[in-house]
Amino acid sequence: MELWDVYDVNRNRTGKIIERGVSWGDEKYHLIIHVAIFNKEGKMLIQKRAACKRAWANLWDISCGGSAVAGEDSQKAAEREVKEELGIDIDLSEVRPHFTINYQRGFDDFYTYETEVNPDELVLQTEEVAEARWASLEEVRELFRRGEFVPYFQPIVELLWQVRDNYDGAIRQ
């Protein structure tokens, strides 16, 4: 059983907690995160979702993502998801998301992180992740063209390459 904090429209915790999968009304929101891990060569670590996943099974995805559980802030949720899904320890305690996408049921924070890892040495959470590998932007575009990537709005995924080392907002420095 996974429990989530409930937020109001202004991203304030309401003090209420809901159980994942339970109907919870129209004016309630929750927090999810995505972390795009890049290497020095500018490639993103992508994961192939496990065959048993209810949504987008066997499709390639951003490095990791998931819902914040009750009591977690965005950074802690991102750190936990990366550790659970890929076995990588990261520290985002002093990092803000690069951007947030507001959607019908909540807030989706997107982080980028740079590290060097060997995908063959990752400890994958097998019920979530089938495999992981490094991919260039062009390789991800090709996965989109073939319908083999989770159907995000493609420009959002491509934006991750543009902002990965830029905290100057929408101004190119």
Protein backbone atom coordinates (compact mmCIF):
# COMPACT_ATOMS: atom_id res chain seq x y z
CA MET A 1 0.00 0.00 0.00
CA GLU A 2 1.43 3.34 -1.08
CA LEU A 3 0.32 6.51 0.73
CA TRP A 4 0.55 9.98 -0.78
CA ASP A 5 0.32 13.47 0.72
CA VAL A 6 -2.57 15.51 -0.66
CA TYR A 7 -1.78 19.00 -1.94
CA ASP A 8 -3.99 21.96 -2.77
CA VAL A 9 -3.89 23.81 -6.08
CA ASN A 10 -1.07 26.04 -4.76
CA ARG A 11 1.11 23.05 -3.89
CA ASN A 12 0.55 23.28 -0.16
CA ARG A 13 0.18 20.04 1.77
CA THR A 14 -3.36 19.80 3.12
CA GLY A 15 -2.51 17.43 5.98
CA LYS A 16 -4.56 14.69 4.34
CA ILE A 17 -3.13 11.43 3.08
CA ILE A 18 -4.61 9.16 0.43
CA GLU A 19 -3.96 5.62 -0.65
CA ARG A 20 -2.78 5.07 -4.20
CA GLY A 21 -5.60 3.79 -6.38
CA VAL A 22 -8.41 5.07 -4.14
CA SER A 23 -10.80 7.71 -5.50
CA TRP A 24 -10.04 11.03 -3.84
CA GLY A 25 -12.11 13.84 -5.34
CA ASP A 26 -11.57 16.66 -7.79
CA GLU A 27 -9.68 19.31 -5.84
CA LYS A 28 -6.76 17.23 -4.67
CA TYR A 29 -3.30 16.86 -6.10
CA HIS A 30 -0.18 14.80 -5.51
CA LEU A 31 3.50 15.06 -6.34
CA ILE A 32 5.50 12.98 -8.79
CA ILE A 33 9.10 13.32 -9.87
CA HIS A 34 11.32 12.42 -12.81
CA VAL A 35 15.12 12.34 -12.79
CA ALA A 36 17.09 12.43 -16.04
CA ILE A 37 20.62 11.18 -15.42
CA PHE A 38 23.27 12.33 -17.89
CA ASN A 39 26.93 11.45 -18.36
CA LYS A 40 29.79 13.75 -19.37
CA GLU A 41 29.21 12.86 -23.04
CA GLY A 42 25.69 14.30 -22.88
CA LYS A 43 23.91 10.97 -23.05
CA MET A 44 20.89 10.23 -20.89
CA LEU A 45 20.53 7.02 -18.95
CA ILE A 46 17.23 5.56 -20.12
CA GLN A 47 15.37 2.62 -18.68
CA LYS A 48 13.13 0.06 -20.29
CA ARG A 49 10.00 -0.39 -18.23
CA ALA A 50 9.34 -3.92 -17.00
CA ALA A 51 6.89 -6.13 -18.90
CA CYS A 52 4.66 -6.41 -15.82
CA LYS A 53 4.04 -2.64 -15.57
CA ARG A 54 0.38 -1.62 -16.02
CA ALA A 55 1.28 1.53 -17.94
CA TRP A 56 3.71 1.62 -20.85
CA ALA A 57 5.19 -1.82 -20.28
CA ASN A 58 8.30 -2.58 -22.34
CA LEU A 59 8.74 1.05 -23.43
CA TRP A 60 11.88 3.13 -22.90
CA ASP A 61 11.62 5.95 -20.38
CA ILE A 62 13.52 8.79 -18.69
CA SER A 63 16.10 7.52 -16.17
CA CYS A 64 13.54 7.17 -13.37
CA GLY A 65 10.32 8.55 -11.99
CA GLY A 66 7.54 7.97 -9.53
CA SER A 67 5.27 9.39 -6.87
CA ALA A 68 6.41 11.01 -3.65
CA VAL A 69 5.15 9.03 -0.69
CA ALA A 70 3.60 10.63 2.38
CA GLY A 71 6.12 12.74 4.28
CA GLU A 72 8.60 13.10 1.41
CA ASP A 73 9.55 16.33 -0.26
CA SER A 74 10.40 16.41 -3.94
CA GLN A 75 14.15 15.96 -3.49
CA LYS A 76 13.82 12.99 -1.11
CA ALA A 77 11.31 11.33 -3.44
CA ALA A 78 13.72 11.76 -6.37
CA GLU A 79 16.66 10.37 -4.39
CA ARG A 80 14.58 7.37 -3.24
CA GLU A 81 13.27 6.58 -6.73
CA VAL A 82 16.77 6.65 -8.25
CA LYS A 83 18.05 4.33 -5.49
CA GLU A 84 15.07 1.95 -5.75
CA GLU A 85 14.89 1.71 -9.54
CA LEU A 86 18.58 1.92 -10.49
CA GLY A 87 20.58 1.36 -7.30
CA ILE A 88 22.32 4.76 -7.59
CA ASP A 89 22.80 7.01 -4.56
CA ILE A 90 22.39 10.70 -5.38
CA ASP A 91 22.14 13.83 -3.24
CA LEU A 92 19.59 16.43 -4.31
CA SER A 93 19.29 18.14 -0.92
CA GLU A 94 20.53 21.46 -2.32
CA VAL A 95 19.03 21.09 -5.81
CA ARG A 96 15.75 22.43 -7.15
CA PRO A 97 13.89 20.79 -10.02
CA HIS A 98 14.83 22.18 -13.41
CA PHE A 99 11.14 22.57 -14.16
CA THR A 100 7.70 21.45 -13.02
CA ILE A 101 4.84 20.37 -15.23
CA ASN A 102 1.42 20.94 -13.70
CA TYR A 103 -1.05 18.31 -14.77
CA GLN A 104 -4.66 17.44 -13.95
CA ARG A 105 -3.88 15.47 -10.77
CA GLY A 106 -0.80 17.24 -9.47
CA PHE A 107 2.74 18.41 -9.94
CA ASP A 108 5.57 16.67 -11.82
CA ASP A 109 9.07 17.87 -10.91
CA PHE A 110 11.87 17.18 -13.40
CA TYR A 111 15.47 16.98 -12.20
CA THR A 112 18.69 16.40 -14.09
CA TYR A 113 21.77 14.86 -12.56
CA GLU A 114 25.22 14.08 -13.96
CA THR A 115 27.14 10.96 -13.03
CA GLU A 116 29.19 8.23 -14.62
CA VAL A 117 27.80 4.73 -14.17
CA ASN A 118 28.10 1.48 -16.08
CA PRO A 119 24.55 0.35 -16.94
CA ASP A 120 25.67 -3.29 -16.70
CA GLU A 121 26.57 -2.75 -13.03
CA LEU A 122 23.29 -1.11 -11.95
CA VAL A 123 21.08 -2.86 -9.40
CA LEU A 124 17.74 -2.67 -11.20
CA GLN A 125 14.39 -3.00 -9.45
CA THR A 126 13.16 -5.86 -11.64
CA GLU A 127 9.45 -5.24 -11.01
CA GLU A 128 9.94 -1.73 -12.41
CA VAL A 129 12.94 -1.80 -14.78
CA ALA A 130 13.91 -4.42 -17.37
CA GLU A 131 17.15 -2.79 -18.54
CA ALA A 132 19.03 0.51 -18.70
CA ARG A 133 21.45 2.06 -21.18
CA TRP A 134 22.97 5.36 -22.24
CA ALA A 135 21.28 7.10 -25.19
CA SER A 136 21.97 10.24 -27.19
CA LEU A 137 19.25 12.73 -28.01
CA GLU A 138 19.10 11.38 -31.55
CA GLU A 139 18.70 7.81 -30.26
CA VAL A 140 15.81 8.92 -28.05
CA ARG A 141 14.23 10.72 -31.02
CA GLU A 142 14.45 7.46 -32.96
CA LEU A 143 12.77 5.58 -30.10
CA PHE A 144 9.96 8.15 -30.22
CA ARG A 145 9.64 7.70 -34.01
CA ARG A 146 9.33 3.93 -33.60
CA GLY A 147 6.78 4.25 -30.77
CA GLU A 148 9.21 2.65 -28.31
CA PHE A 149 9.41 5.53 -25.80
CA VAL A 150 6.80 6.49 -23.20
CA PRO A 151 4.50 8.94 -25.04
CA TYR A 152 5.52 12.14 -23.28
CA PHE A 153 5.28 15.35 -25.23
CA GLN A 154 8.58 14.87 -27.05
CA PRO A 155 9.74 18.51 -26.65
CA ILE A 156 9.61 18.06 -22.85
CA VAL A 157 12.04 15.15 -23.04
CA GLU A 158 14.26 17.06 -25.46
CA LEU A 159 14.22 20.06 -23.09
CA LEU A 160 16.05 17.92 -20.52
CA TRP A 161 19.15 18.03 -22.76
CA GLN A 162 18.91 21.83 -22.96
CA VAL A 163 18.55 22.49 -19.22
CA ARG A 164 20.71 19.74 -17.77
CA ASP A 165 23.47 22.09 -16.70
CA ASN A 166 21.60 25.40 -16.79
CA TYR A 167 19.84 27.00 -13.82
CA ASP A 168 19.54 30.39 -15.53
CA GLY A 169 15.90 29.81 -16.45
CA ALA A 170 14.77 30.33 -20.00
CA ILE A 171 17.68 32.59 -20.89
CA ARG A 172 20.49 30.97 -22.84
CA GLN A 173 23.82 32.01 -21.35
